[in-house]
Amino acid sequence: MSLRNDRQQARSAEIRAVTARHELVQSSRPLRGFWRRHRTALVIGGGLAAGVLASLLPVRAFARAGSTAGALVGLALRSPFAPLMLGWIAKAREEQSPLTQDGSDAAPAAGSVRTH
């Protein structure tokens, strides 16, 4: 195959991908509208359904799930990457904190007066 044929095939594949994406967006429009209109009811109903299903499971299933989660956390904390993971989590939490360099709040709370 020549470079020209390869480029034509790549362009036609790109056009097909864009067309398929457009069709997918168009076909999902009713679902997105339904989600926007009934978001609260769907979230509450989903939580209720999950609670009912969880109440129907035997206690042994929760015990197994808890022991599996505990074993995985134990393995992760004993691994050589534990300090790296904990440092990454601490750094992410530090970046989310609204504190300035001196440790004071970045912006005063509404209605409060700052005296320095």
Protein backbone atom coordinates (compact mmCIF):
# COMPACT_ATOMS: atom_id res chain seq x y z
CA MET A 1 0.00 0.00 0.00
CA SER A 2 1.13 3.49 -0.70
CA LEU A 3 1.23 6.41 1.66
CA ARG A 4 -1.63 8.04 -0.25
CA ASN A 5 -3.89 5.01 0.24
CA ASP A 6 -2.99 4.88 3.92
CA ARG A 7 -3.91 8.53 4.36
CA GLN A 8 -7.22 8.03 2.55
CA GLN A 9 -8.07 5.05 4.73
CA ALA A 10 -7.13 6.97 7.86
CA ARG A 11 -9.28 9.93 6.81
CA SER A 12 -12.27 7.72 6.00
CA ALA A 13 -11.89 5.93 9.36
CA GLU A 14 -11.79 9.30 11.11
CA ILE A 15 -14.94 10.41 9.28
CA ARG A 16 -16.70 7.16 10.24
CA ALA A 17 -15.67 7.65 13.88
CA VAL A 18 -16.96 11.23 13.96
CA THR A 19 -20.22 10.15 12.32
CA ALA A 20 -20.67 7.30 14.80
CA ARG A 21 -20.01 9.66 17.72
CA HIS A 22 -22.57 12.12 16.39
CA GLU A 23 -25.14 9.34 16.01
CA LEU A 24 -24.43 8.16 19.56
CA VAL A 25 -24.92 11.66 20.94
CA GLN A 26 -28.19 12.00 19.02
CA SER A 27 -29.49 8.62 20.20
CA SER A 28 -28.62 9.33 23.85
CA ARG A 29 -30.34 12.73 23.90
CA PRO A 30 -33.67 11.36 25.27
CA LEU A 31 -31.86 9.55 28.08
CA ARG A 32 -29.90 12.65 29.03
CA GLY A 33 -33.13 14.66 29.12
CA PHE A 34 -34.81 12.03 31.28
CA TRP A 35 -31.82 12.07 33.65
CA ARG A 36 -31.91 15.88 33.93
CA ARG A 37 -35.64 15.93 34.68
CA HIS A 38 -35.70 13.06 37.18
CA ARG A 39 -32.21 13.11 38.69
CA THR A 40 -33.31 13.29 42.33
CA ALA A 41 -35.90 10.53 41.97
CA LEU A 42 -33.43 8.28 40.16
CA VAL A 43 -30.73 8.77 42.80
CA ILE A 44 -33.14 8.16 45.69
CA GLY A 45 -34.74 5.19 43.94
CA GLY A 46 -31.33 3.71 43.15
CA GLY A 47 -30.26 4.07 46.77
CA LEU A 48 -33.50 2.46 47.93
CA ALA A 49 -33.06 -0.42 45.49
CA ALA A 50 -29.44 -0.92 46.59
CA GLY A 51 -30.54 -0.92 50.24
CA VAL A 52 -33.24 -3.51 49.57
CA LEU A 53 -30.80 -5.73 47.67
CA ALA A 54 -28.19 -5.36 50.41
CA SER A 55 -30.75 -6.32 53.06
CA LEU A 56 -31.55 -9.49 51.14
CA LEU A 57 -27.93 -10.66 51.09
CA PRO A 58 -26.86 -12.96 53.90
CA VAL A 59 -24.58 -11.63 56.63
CA ARG A 60 -21.89 -14.05 55.49
CA ALA A 61 -21.60 -12.15 52.18
CA PHE A 62 -20.86 -8.90 54.05
CA ALA A 63 -18.35 -10.68 56.27
CA ARG A 64 -16.53 -12.06 53.24
CA ALA A 65 -16.56 -8.68 51.50
CA GLY A 66 -15.22 -6.98 54.65
CA SER A 67 -12.49 -9.54 55.16
CA THR A 68 -11.46 -9.25 51.51
CA ALA A 69 -11.32 -5.47 51.71
CA GLY A 70 -9.33 -5.64 54.95
CA ALA A 71 -6.88 -8.13 53.47
CA LEU A 72 -6.36 -5.92 50.41
CA VAL A 73 -5.77 -2.83 52.54
CA GLY A 74 -3.33 -4.79 54.69
CA LEU A 75 -1.42 -5.91 51.63
CA ALA A 76 -1.32 -2.37 50.28
CA LEU A 77 0.00 -0.96 53.58
CA ARG A 78 2.70 -3.63 53.87
CA SER A 79 3.89 -3.07 50.32
CA PRO A 80 7.02 -1.05 49.54
CA PHE A 81 4.80 1.47 47.77
CA ALA A 82 2.83 2.34 50.93
CA PRO A 83 4.91 5.46 51.79
CA LEU A 84 4.56 6.60 48.19
CA MET A 85 0.78 6.12 48.22
CA LEU A 86 0.35 7.81 51.61
CA GLY A 87 2.52 10.74 50.51
CA TRP A 88 0.47 11.10 47.33
CA ILE A 89 -2.78 11.12 49.34
CA ALA A 90 -1.37 13.67 51.81
CA LYS A 91 -0.21 15.90 48.95
CA ALA A 92 -3.61 15.72 47.26
CA ARG A 93 -5.36 16.63 50.51
CA GLU A 94 -2.91 19.48 51.09
CA GLU A 95 -3.61 20.90 47.63
CA GLN A 96 -7.36 20.81 48.32
CA SER A 97 -6.98 22.68 51.61
CA PRO A 98 -8.00 26.37 51.44
CA LEU A 99 -5.20 27.42 53.82
CA THR A 100 -2.53 29.99 52.95
CA GLN A 101 1.19 29.67 53.72
CA ASP A 102 0.85 31.08 57.26
CA GLY A 103 -1.89 28.57 58.14
CA SER A 104 -4.77 31.03 58.20
CA ASP A 105 -7.88 30.75 56.07
CA ALA A 106 -7.53 32.03 52.52
CA ALA A 107 -10.78 33.98 52.77
CA PRO A 108 -12.65 35.03 55.92
CA ALA A 109 -16.02 33.46 56.58
CA ALA A 110 -19.04 35.54 55.70
CA GLY A 111 -19.79 38.08 58.43
CA SER A 112 -16.51 37.56 60.30
CA VAL A 113 -13.95 40.26 60.96
CA ARG A 114 -10.28 39.42 60.86
CA THR A 115 -8.00 41.18 63.34
CA HIS A 116 -4.21 40.96 62.83
